[in-house]
Amino acid sequence: MTKVAWNSKELTVGQLSERSGVAVSALHFYEAKGLISSRRTAGNQRRYTRDTLRRVAFVRLAQRLGIPLKTIKEALAQLPEKRTPTREDWARLSAAWRAELDDRIEQLQRLRNDLTDCIGCGCLSLDRCALANAHDRLGEEGPGARRIDTRLCPPANCMPCAG
């Protein structure tokens, strides 16, 4: 690993990649999406301020939580220009994402619990579908795994898989 001087105010894309553990191509992608920014030298090389490390860490953690890049960008746009997220920013932003994460957790739990019995799609391909989805009732509501996707079928409205 290349040692970056502690008082260096800027990092090259290679240094940022090494320090953040994120591939150079991903950093270029983040920049193209407006998640991070750089300045260009006279030789057209990218230079990132040191605080970009925190922004990259913020993006990576949010991605690991399953937050879409568009939502991450919107969150970063709420911060004053060029400022990296602070602990307080992270607390506020992550609290706003809590309901979405809870919904995903519930979907994954339902998927895990119903995985061997039914995929909830209205396909009538399994013996149990005739019981849990009589007359392809779910197919009339639209495409997709209706019983498992809590955005399409909230738990209070879905019939449990008959088993």
N, C-alpha and C. Protein backbone atom coordinates (compact mmCIF):
# COMPACT_ATOMS: atom_id res chain seq x y z
N MET A 1 0.85 -1.17 0.00
CA MET A 1 0.00 0.00 0.00
C MET A 1 0.90 1.24 0.00
N THR A 2 0.56 2.18 -0.84
CA THR A 2 1.31 3.42 -0.93
C THR A 2 1.00 4.29 0.29
N LYS A 3 2.03 4.76 0.95
CA LYS A 3 1.83 5.62 2.12
C LYS A 3 1.52 7.03 1.64
N VAL A 4 0.42 7.56 2.10
CA VAL A 4 0.02 8.93 1.77
C VAL A 4 0.42 9.80 2.95
N ALA A 5 1.09 10.90 2.68
CA ALA A 5 1.50 11.81 3.75
C ALA A 5 0.28 12.26 4.55
N TRP A 6 0.41 12.30 5.86
CA TRP A 6 -0.72 12.64 6.72
C TRP A 6 -1.25 14.03 6.45
N ASN A 7 -0.39 14.91 5.97
CA ASN A 7 -0.83 16.29 5.74
C ASN A 7 -1.18 16.57 4.28
N SER A 8 -1.22 15.53 3.48
CA SER A 8 -1.60 15.68 2.08
C SER A 8 -3.09 16.03 2.01
N LYS A 9 -3.41 17.09 1.31
CA LYS A 9 -4.80 17.54 1.22
C LYS A 9 -5.57 16.84 0.11
N GLU A 10 -4.85 16.25 -0.84
CA GLU A 10 -5.51 15.61 -1.97
C GLU A 10 -4.95 14.21 -2.20
N LEU A 11 -5.79 13.37 -2.79
CA LEU A 11 -5.42 12.00 -3.12
C LEU A 11 -5.61 11.78 -4.62
N THR A 12 -4.74 10.95 -5.19
CA THR A 12 -4.96 10.52 -6.57
C THR A 12 -6.06 9.47 -6.55
N VAL A 13 -6.56 9.10 -7.70
CA VAL A 13 -7.60 8.08 -7.75
C VAL A 13 -7.04 6.74 -7.25
N GLY A 14 -5.78 6.46 -7.53
CA GLY A 14 -5.16 5.23 -7.05
C GLY A 14 -5.04 5.21 -5.54
N GLN A 15 -4.64 6.34 -4.96
CA GLN A 15 -4.54 6.44 -3.51
C GLN A 15 -5.90 6.31 -2.85
N LEU A 16 -6.89 6.98 -3.43
CA LEU A 16 -8.25 6.88 -2.90
C LEU A 16 -8.74 5.44 -2.97
N SER A 17 -8.44 4.77 -4.06
CA SER A 17 -8.82 3.37 -4.22
C SER A 17 -8.17 2.50 -3.16
N GLU A 18 -6.87 2.68 -2.96
CA GLU A 18 -6.15 1.90 -1.95
C GLU A 18 -6.69 2.14 -0.56
N ARG A 19 -6.87 3.40 -0.21
CA ARG A 19 -7.33 3.75 1.15
C ARG A 19 -8.77 3.33 1.40
N SER A 20 -9.62 3.40 0.40
CA SER A 20 -11.04 3.10 0.59
C SER A 20 -11.37 1.63 0.35
N GLY A 21 -10.49 0.92 -0.37
CA GLY A 21 -10.78 -0.47 -0.71
C GLY A 21 -11.78 -0.59 -1.85
N VAL A 22 -11.98 0.48 -2.59
CA VAL A 22 -12.94 0.52 -3.69
C VAL A 22 -12.16 0.59 -5.00
N ALA A 23 -12.55 -0.19 -5.97
CA ALA A 23 -11.86 -0.21 -7.26
C ALA A 23 -11.90 1.15 -7.93
N VAL A 24 -10.86 1.44 -8.68
CA VAL A 24 -10.79 2.71 -9.42
C VAL A 24 -12.02 2.86 -10.31
N SER A 25 -12.41 1.79 -10.97
CA SER A 25 -13.58 1.87 -11.86
C SER A 25 -14.84 2.25 -11.09
N ALA A 26 -14.97 1.75 -9.86
CA ALA A 26 -16.13 2.10 -9.04
C ALA A 26 -16.08 3.57 -8.64
N LEU A 27 -14.88 4.07 -8.34
CA LEU A 27 -14.74 5.49 -8.00
C LEU A 27 -15.13 6.36 -9.19
N HIS A 28 -14.71 5.97 -10.38
CA HIS A 28 -15.09 6.71 -11.59
C HIS A 28 -16.61 6.68 -11.76
N PHE A 29 -17.21 5.52 -11.48
CA PHE A 29 -18.66 5.37 -11.57
C PHE A 29 -19.35 6.28 -10.55
N TYR A 30 -18.87 6.29 -9.31
CA TYR A 30 -19.45 7.15 -8.28
C TYR A 30 -19.37 8.61 -8.71
N GLU A 31 -18.25 8.97 -9.31
CA GLU A 31 -18.09 10.35 -9.75
C GLU A 31 -19.07 10.67 -10.88
N ALA A 32 -19.22 9.74 -11.81
CA ALA A 32 -20.16 9.95 -12.93
C ALA A 32 -21.59 10.09 -12.42
N LYS A 33 -21.90 9.41 -11.32
CA LYS A 33 -23.24 9.47 -10.73
C LYS A 33 -23.43 10.66 -9.79
N GLY A 34 -22.35 11.43 -9.57
CA GLY A 34 -22.46 12.62 -8.72
C GLY A 34 -22.37 12.34 -7.23
N LEU A 35 -21.86 11.17 -6.85
CA LEU A 35 -21.73 10.83 -5.43
C LEU A 35 -20.46 11.40 -4.82
N ILE A 36 -19.42 11.51 -5.63
CA ILE A 36 -18.17 12.13 -5.21
C ILE A 36 -17.73 13.07 -6.32
N SER A 37 -16.75 13.92 -6.01
CA SER A 37 -16.26 14.84 -7.05
C SER A 37 -14.75 14.98 -6.92
N SER A 38 -14.14 15.42 -8.01
CA SER A 38 -12.70 15.64 -8.03
C SER A 38 -12.43 16.91 -8.81
N ARG A 39 -11.21 17.35 -8.70
CA ARG A 39 -10.77 18.43 -9.57
C ARG A 39 -9.77 17.81 -10.53
N ARG A 40 -9.53 18.47 -11.63
CA ARG A 40 -8.57 17.99 -12.62
C ARG A 40 -7.32 18.84 -12.58
N THR A 41 -6.18 18.17 -12.67
CA THR A 41 -4.90 18.89 -12.73
C THR A 41 -4.70 19.40 -14.16
N ALA A 42 -3.63 20.14 -14.36
CA ALA A 42 -3.30 20.62 -15.70
C ALA A 42 -3.10 19.45 -16.66
N GLY A 43 -2.66 18.32 -16.13
CA GLY A 43 -2.47 17.11 -16.95
C GLY A 43 -3.72 16.25 -17.02
N ASN A 44 -4.87 16.78 -16.59
CA ASN A 44 -6.18 16.12 -16.63
C ASN A 44 -6.27 14.90 -15.71
N GLN A 45 -5.48 14.89 -14.64
CA GLN A 45 -5.56 13.81 -13.66
C GLN A 45 -6.52 14.21 -12.54
N ARG A 46 -7.26 13.23 -12.04
CA ARG A 46 -8.20 13.49 -10.96
C ARG A 46 -7.46 13.67 -9.64
N ARG A 47 -7.95 14.61 -8.83
CA ARG A 47 -7.47 14.80 -7.47
C ARG A 47 -8.70 14.93 -6.57
N TYR A 48 -8.69 14.14 -5.50
CA TYR A 48 -9.80 14.11 -4.56
C TYR A 48 -9.35 14.69 -3.22
N THR A 49 -10.21 15.46 -2.60
CA THR A 49 -9.89 15.95 -1.26
C THR A 49 -9.98 14.76 -0.30
N ARG A 50 -9.27 14.85 0.80
CA ARG A 50 -9.20 13.73 1.75
C ARG A 50 -10.57 13.35 2.29
N ASP A 51 -11.47 14.33 2.41
CA ASP A 51 -12.78 14.01 2.96
C ASP A 51 -13.60 13.12 2.03
N THR A 52 -13.14 12.92 0.80
CA THR A 52 -13.82 12.00 -0.12
C THR A 52 -13.78 10.59 0.44
N LEU A 53 -12.76 10.27 1.23
CA LEU A 53 -12.70 8.95 1.87
C LEU A 53 -13.96 8.69 2.69
N ARG A 54 -14.41 9.69 3.45
CA ARG A 54 -15.61 9.52 4.26
C ARG A 54 -16.85 9.38 3.39
N ARG A 55 -16.92 10.16 2.32
CA ARG A 55 -18.07 10.05 1.41
C ARG A 55 -18.13 8.66 0.79
N VAL A 56 -16.97 8.13 0.38
CA VAL A 56 -16.93 6.79 -0.21
C VAL A 56 -17.36 5.75 0.83
N ALA A 57 -16.88 5.89 2.06
CA ALA A 57 -17.28 4.97 3.12
C ALA A 57 -18.79 5.04 3.35
N PHE A 58 -19.34 6.24 3.33
CA PHE A 58 -20.78 6.45 3.49
C PHE A 58 -21.54 5.73 2.36
N VAL A 59 -21.09 5.91 1.13
CA VAL A 59 -21.74 5.28 -0.03
C VAL A 59 -21.68 3.76 0.10
N ARG A 60 -20.50 3.24 0.41
CA ARG A 60 -20.32 1.79 0.51
C ARG A 60 -21.20 1.18 1.60
N LEU A 61 -21.25 1.81 2.75
CA LEU A 61 -22.07 1.28 3.83
C LEU A 61 -23.55 1.33 3.45
N ALA A 62 -23.98 2.43 2.88
CA ALA A 62 -25.38 2.54 2.45
C ALA A 62 -25.70 1.47 1.40
N GLN A 63 -24.77 1.23 0.48
CA GLN A 63 -24.98 0.18 -0.52
C GLN A 63 -25.10 -1.19 0.13
N ARG A 64 -24.26 -1.45 1.13
CA ARG A 64 -24.32 -2.74 1.82
C ARG A 64 -25.65 -2.93 2.52
N LEU A 65 -26.28 -1.84 2.91
CA LEU A 65 -27.60 -1.90 3.53
C LEU A 65 -28.70 -2.08 2.49
N GLY A 66 -28.31 -2.01 1.21
CA GLY A 66 -29.28 -2.18 0.14
C GLY A 66 -29.94 -0.89 -0.30
N ILE A 67 -29.39 0.24 0.09
CA ILE A 67 -29.96 1.53 -0.30
C ILE A 67 -29.54 1.80 -1.75
N PRO A 68 -30.49 2.11 -2.62
CA PRO A 68 -30.14 2.39 -4.02
C PRO A 68 -29.27 3.65 -4.16
N LEU A 69 -28.42 3.67 -5.17
CA LEU A 69 -27.53 4.81 -5.39
C LEU A 69 -28.30 6.11 -5.53
N LYS A 70 -29.44 6.07 -6.16
CA LYS A 70 -30.25 7.29 -6.33
C LYS A 70 -30.63 7.86 -4.96
N THR A 71 -31.01 7.00 -4.03
CA THR A 71 -31.38 7.44 -2.69
C THR A 71 -30.17 7.96 -1.94
N ILE A 72 -29.02 7.31 -2.13
CA ILE A 72 -27.78 7.76 -1.49
C ILE A 72 -27.43 9.15 -2.01
N LYS A 73 -27.54 9.34 -3.32
CA LYS A 73 -27.24 10.65 -3.91
C LYS A 73 -28.16 11.72 -3.34
N GLU A 74 -29.45 11.41 -3.22
CA GLU A 74 -30.40 12.37 -2.66
C GLU A 74 -30.03 12.72 -1.22
N ALA A 75 -29.58 11.73 -0.46
CA ALA A 75 -29.17 11.99 0.92
C ALA A 75 -27.95 12.89 0.97
N LEU A 76 -26.95 12.60 0.14
CA LEU A 76 -25.75 13.41 0.11
C LEU A 76 -26.05 14.84 -0.37
N ALA A 77 -27.04 14.97 -1.23
CA ALA A 77 -27.41 16.30 -1.74
C ALA A 77 -28.01 17.18 -0.64
N GLN A 78 -28.49 16.58 0.43
CA GLN A 78 -29.04 17.35 1.55
C GLN A 78 -27.95 18.03 2.37
N LEU A 79 -26.72 17.58 2.20
CA LEU A 79 -25.61 18.14 2.97
C LEU A 79 -25.07 19.38 2.28
N PRO A 80 -24.56 20.33 3.05
CA PRO A 80 -23.95 21.50 2.43
C PRO A 80 -22.85 21.09 1.45
N GLU A 81 -22.70 21.84 0.39
CA GLU A 81 -21.75 21.52 -0.68
C GLU A 81 -20.36 21.19 -0.14
N LYS A 82 -19.83 20.12 -0.64
CA LYS A 82 -18.47 19.66 -0.34
C LYS A 82 -18.30 19.08 1.07
N ARG A 83 -19.32 19.12 1.91
CA ARG A 83 -19.15 18.61 3.26
C ARG A 83 -19.41 17.11 3.29
N THR A 84 -18.61 16.40 4.04
CA THR A 84 -18.82 14.97 4.18
C THR A 84 -19.81 14.71 5.31
N PRO A 85 -20.45 13.55 5.29
CA PRO A 85 -21.40 13.23 6.35
C PRO A 85 -20.71 13.11 7.70
N THR A 86 -21.33 13.65 8.71
CA THR A 86 -20.85 13.51 10.08
C THR A 86 -21.62 12.37 10.75
N ARG A 87 -21.26 12.08 11.97
CA ARG A 87 -21.98 11.05 12.73
C ARG A 87 -23.46 11.43 12.87
N GLU A 88 -23.71 12.71 13.10
CA GLU A 88 -25.09 13.19 13.23
C GLU A 88 -25.85 13.05 11.91
N ASP A 89 -25.16 13.36 10.80
CA ASP A 89 -25.78 13.19 9.48
C ASP A 89 -26.16 11.73 9.26
N TRP A 90 -25.22 10.83 9.59
CA TRP A 90 -25.48 9.41 9.39
C TRP A 90 -26.67 8.97 10.24
N ALA A 91 -26.74 9.42 11.49
CA ALA A 91 -27.87 9.05 12.35
C ALA A 91 -29.19 9.52 11.75
N ARG A 92 -29.22 10.76 11.27
CA ARG A 92 -30.45 11.31 10.68
C ARG A 92 -30.84 10.56 9.41
N LEU A 93 -29.88 10.36 8.52
CA LEU A 93 -30.17 9.72 7.25
C LEU A 93 -30.53 8.24 7.43
N SER A 94 -29.80 7.55 8.31
CA SER A 94 -30.11 6.14 8.51
C SER A 94 -31.46 5.95 9.19
N ALA A 95 -31.86 6.89 10.03
CA ALA A 95 -33.19 6.82 10.65
C ALA A 95 -34.28 6.93 9.58
N ALA A 96 -34.03 7.76 8.59
CA ALA A 96 -35.00 7.91 7.50
C ALA A 96 -35.11 6.63 6.68
N TRP A 97 -34.05 5.83 6.65
CA TRP A 97 -34.05 4.59 5.87
C TRP A 97 -34.55 3.40 6.67
N ARG A 98 -34.79 3.58 7.96
CA ARG A 98 -35.15 2.46 8.83
C ARG A 98 -36.40 1.71 8.34
N ALA A 99 -37.44 2.42 7.97
CA ALA A 99 -38.68 1.76 7.53
C ALA A 99 -38.43 0.91 6.28
N GLU A 100 -37.66 1.45 5.35
CA GLU A 100 -37.34 0.70 4.14
C GLU A 100 -36.54 -0.55 4.47
N LEU A 101 -35.58 -0.43 5.38
CA LEU A 101 -34.78 -1.59 5.78
C LEU A 101 -35.64 -2.61 6.52
N ASP A 102 -36.53 -2.15 7.39
CA ASP A 102 -37.43 -3.06 8.09
C ASP A 102 -38.29 -3.84 7.10
N ASP A 103 -38.76 -3.14 6.06
CA ASP A 103 -39.57 -3.79 5.03
C ASP A 103 -38.75 -4.86 4.30
N ARG A 104 -37.50 -4.55 3.97
CA ARG A 104 -36.65 -5.54 3.30
C ARG A 104 -36.39 -6.74 4.18
N ILE A 105 -36.15 -6.50 5.46
CA ILE A 105 -35.92 -7.60 6.40
C ILE A 105 -37.15 -8.50 6.44
N GLU A 106 -38.32 -7.89 6.51
CA GLU A 106 -39.56 -8.67 6.54
C GLU A 106 -39.73 -9.48 5.25
N GLN A 107 -39.42 -8.88 4.11
CA GLN A 107 -39.51 -9.61 2.85
C GLN A 107 -38.57 -10.81 2.83
N LEU A 108 -37.35 -10.59 3.30
CA LEU A 108 -36.38 -11.69 3.32
C LEU A 108 -36.82 -12.79 4.28
N GLN A 109 -37.39 -12.42 5.42
CA GLN A 109 -37.87 -13.43 6.36
C GLN A 109 -39.03 -14.22 5.75
N ARG A 110 -39.94 -13.53 5.07
CA ARG A 110 -41.05 -14.23 4.42
C ARG A 110 -40.55 -15.13 3.31
N LEU A 111 -39.58 -14.66 2.55
CA LEU A 111 -39.01 -15.48 1.49
C LEU A 111 -38.36 -16.73 2.08
N ARG A 112 -37.57 -16.56 3.14
CA ARG A 112 -36.92 -17.69 3.79
C ARG A 112 -37.95 -18.68 4.31
N ASN A 113 -38.98 -18.19 4.96
CA ASN A 113 -39.98 -19.06 5.57
C ASN A 113 -40.84 -19.78 4.55
N ASP A 114 -41.11 -19.15 3.41
CA ASP A 114 -41.98 -19.74 2.40
C ASP A 114 -41.21 -20.39 1.26
N LEU A 115 -39.90 -20.36 1.32
CA LEU A 115 -39.09 -20.80 0.20
C LEU A 115 -39.39 -22.22 -0.25
N THR A 116 -39.59 -23.14 0.67
CA THR A 116 -39.81 -24.53 0.28
C THR A 116 -41.26 -24.82 -0.08
N ASP A 117 -42.18 -23.94 0.30
CA ASP A 117 -43.59 -24.20 0.05
C ASP A 117 -44.14 -23.51 -1.19
N CYS A 118 -43.82 -22.24 -1.34
CA CYS A 118 -44.51 -21.47 -2.36
C CYS A 118 -43.73 -20.20 -2.66
N ILE A 119 -43.68 -19.81 -3.93
CA ILE A 119 -43.01 -18.56 -4.28
C ILE A 119 -44.01 -17.42 -4.40
N GLY A 120 -45.29 -17.72 -4.22
CA GLY A 120 -46.29 -16.68 -4.13
C GLY A 120 -46.57 -15.94 -5.41
N CYS A 121 -46.33 -16.58 -6.55
CA CYS A 121 -46.44 -15.84 -7.81
C CYS A 121 -47.77 -16.02 -8.52
N GLY A 122 -48.61 -16.90 -8.04
CA GLY A 122 -49.88 -17.12 -8.73
C GLY A 122 -49.75 -18.08 -9.90
N CYS A 123 -48.71 -18.90 -9.92
CA CYS A 123 -48.43 -19.73 -11.09
C CYS A 123 -49.24 -21.02 -11.12
N LEU A 124 -49.78 -21.44 -10.00
CA LEU A 124 -50.53 -22.70 -9.89
C LEU A 124 -49.69 -23.91 -10.29
N SER A 125 -48.38 -23.80 -10.20
CA SER A 125 -47.52 -24.90 -10.62
C SER A 125 -47.24 -25.91 -9.50
N LEU A 126 -47.52 -25.54 -8.26
CA LEU A 126 -47.31 -26.46 -7.16
C LEU A 126 -48.65 -26.91 -6.60
N ASP A 127 -48.67 -28.10 -6.03
CA ASP A 127 -49.92 -28.61 -5.46
C ASP A 127 -50.52 -27.64 -4.45
N ARG A 128 -49.70 -26.99 -3.67
CA ARG A 128 -50.19 -26.10 -2.62
C ARG A 128 -50.75 -24.79 -3.17
N CYS A 129 -50.37 -24.40 -4.37
CA CYS A 129 -50.86 -23.13 -4.92
C CYS A 129 -52.38 -23.11 -5.01
N ALA A 130 -52.99 -24.25 -5.29
CA ALA A 130 -54.45 -24.29 -5.40
C ALA A 130 -55.09 -23.96 -4.05
N LEU A 131 -54.38 -24.21 -2.96
CA LEU A 131 -54.92 -23.90 -1.64
C LEU A 131 -54.61 -22.46 -1.22
N ALA A 132 -53.38 -22.03 -1.46
CA ALA A 132 -52.97 -20.69 -1.02
C ALA A 132 -53.40 -19.61 -2.00
N ASN A 133 -53.62 -20.00 -3.24
CA ASN A 133 -53.95 -19.02 -4.28
C ASN A 133 -55.06 -19.59 -5.17
N ALA A 134 -56.16 -19.90 -4.53
CA ALA A 134 -57.28 -20.53 -5.25
C ALA A 134 -57.71 -19.69 -6.45
N HIS A 135 -57.90 -20.37 -7.57
CA HIS A 135 -58.35 -19.75 -8.82
C HIS A 135 -57.43 -18.62 -9.29
N ASP A 136 -56.16 -18.71 -8.92
CA ASP A 136 -55.14 -17.73 -9.33
C ASP A 136 -55.55 -16.30 -8.98
N ARG A 137 -56.11 -16.14 -7.79
CA ARG A 137 -56.54 -14.82 -7.30
C ARG A 137 -55.41 -13.80 -7.38
N LEU A 138 -54.18 -14.21 -7.03
CA LEU A 138 -53.07 -13.27 -7.02
C LEU A 138 -52.68 -12.84 -8.44
N GLY A 139 -52.88 -13.70 -9.41
CA GLY A 139 -52.56 -13.35 -10.79
C GLY A 139 -53.38 -12.18 -11.30
N GLU A 140 -54.58 -12.03 -10.76
CA GLU A 140 -55.44 -10.92 -11.16
C GLU A 140 -54.95 -9.59 -10.60
N GLU A 141 -54.14 -9.64 -9.55
CA GLU A 141 -53.63 -8.43 -8.93
C GLU A 141 -52.40 -7.87 -9.64
N GLY A 142 -51.79 -8.67 -10.50
CA GLY A 142 -50.62 -8.20 -11.23
C GLY A 142 -49.49 -9.20 -11.20
N PRO A 143 -48.40 -8.90 -11.90
CA PRO A 143 -47.28 -9.83 -12.00
C PRO A 143 -46.41 -9.81 -10.74
N GLY A 144 -45.59 -10.82 -10.62
CA GLY A 144 -44.58 -10.85 -9.56
C GLY A 144 -44.98 -11.72 -8.38
N ALA A 145 -44.04 -11.87 -7.48
CA ALA A 145 -44.23 -12.68 -6.28
C ALA A 145 -45.06 -11.89 -5.27
N ARG A 146 -46.33 -11.89 -5.44
CA ARG A 146 -47.24 -11.03 -4.68
C ARG A 146 -47.25 -11.35 -3.19
N ARG A 147 -47.21 -12.61 -2.81
CA ARG A 147 -47.32 -12.97 -1.40
C ARG A 147 -46.07 -12.62 -0.61
N ILE A 148 -44.91 -12.66 -1.24
CA ILE A 148 -43.66 -12.46 -0.52
C ILE A 148 -43.22 -11.01 -0.52
N ASP A 149 -43.53 -10.28 -1.57
CA ASP A 149 -43.11 -8.88 -1.68
C ASP A 149 -44.06 -8.02 -0.86
N THR A 150 -43.60 -7.54 0.29
CA THR A 150 -44.48 -6.79 1.19
C THR A 150 -44.91 -5.45 0.61
N ARG A 151 -44.24 -4.98 -0.44
CA ARG A 151 -44.69 -3.75 -1.08
C ARG A 151 -45.95 -4.01 -1.89
N LEU A 152 -46.11 -5.25 -2.36
CA LEU A 152 -47.28 -5.60 -3.16
C LEU A 152 -48.40 -6.18 -2.30
N CYS A 153 -48.02 -6.88 -1.25
CA CYS A 153 -49.01 -7.55 -0.42
C CYS A 153 -48.62 -7.40 1.04
N PRO A 154 -49.08 -6.36 1.72
CA PRO A 154 -48.74 -6.18 3.13
C PRO A 154 -49.17 -7.40 3.93
N PRO A 155 -48.44 -7.77 4.98
CA PRO A 155 -48.72 -8.99 5.74
C PRO A 155 -50.17 -9.10 6.21
N ALA A 156 -50.80 -8.02 6.56
CA ALA A 156 -52.18 -8.07 7.06
C ALA A 156 -53.16 -8.52 5.96
N ASN A 157 -52.77 -8.36 4.68
CA ASN A 157 -53.69 -8.67 3.58
C ASN A 157 -53.40 -10.01 2.91
N CYS A 158 -52.28 -10.63 3.20
CA CYS A 158 -51.88 -11.86 2.52
C CYS A 158 -52.31 -13.08 3.28
N MET A 159 -52.73 -14.08 2.52
CA MET A 159 -53.05 -15.37 3.11
C MET A 159 -51.75 -16.12 3.33
N PRO A 160 -51.59 -16.81 4.45
CA PRO A 160 -50.40 -17.63 4.62
C PRO A 160 -50.47 -18.83 3.68
N CYS A 161 -49.34 -19.35 3.35
CA CYS A 161 -49.26 -20.52 2.48
C CYS A 161 -49.88 -21.69 3.22
N ALA A 162 -50.81 -22.38 2.60
CA ALA A 162 -51.43 -23.54 3.25
C ALA A 162 -50.43 -24.69 3.22
N GLY A 163 -50.13 -25.24 4.29
CA GLY A 163 -49.13 -26.28 4.29
C GLY A 163 -49.38 -27.16 5.40
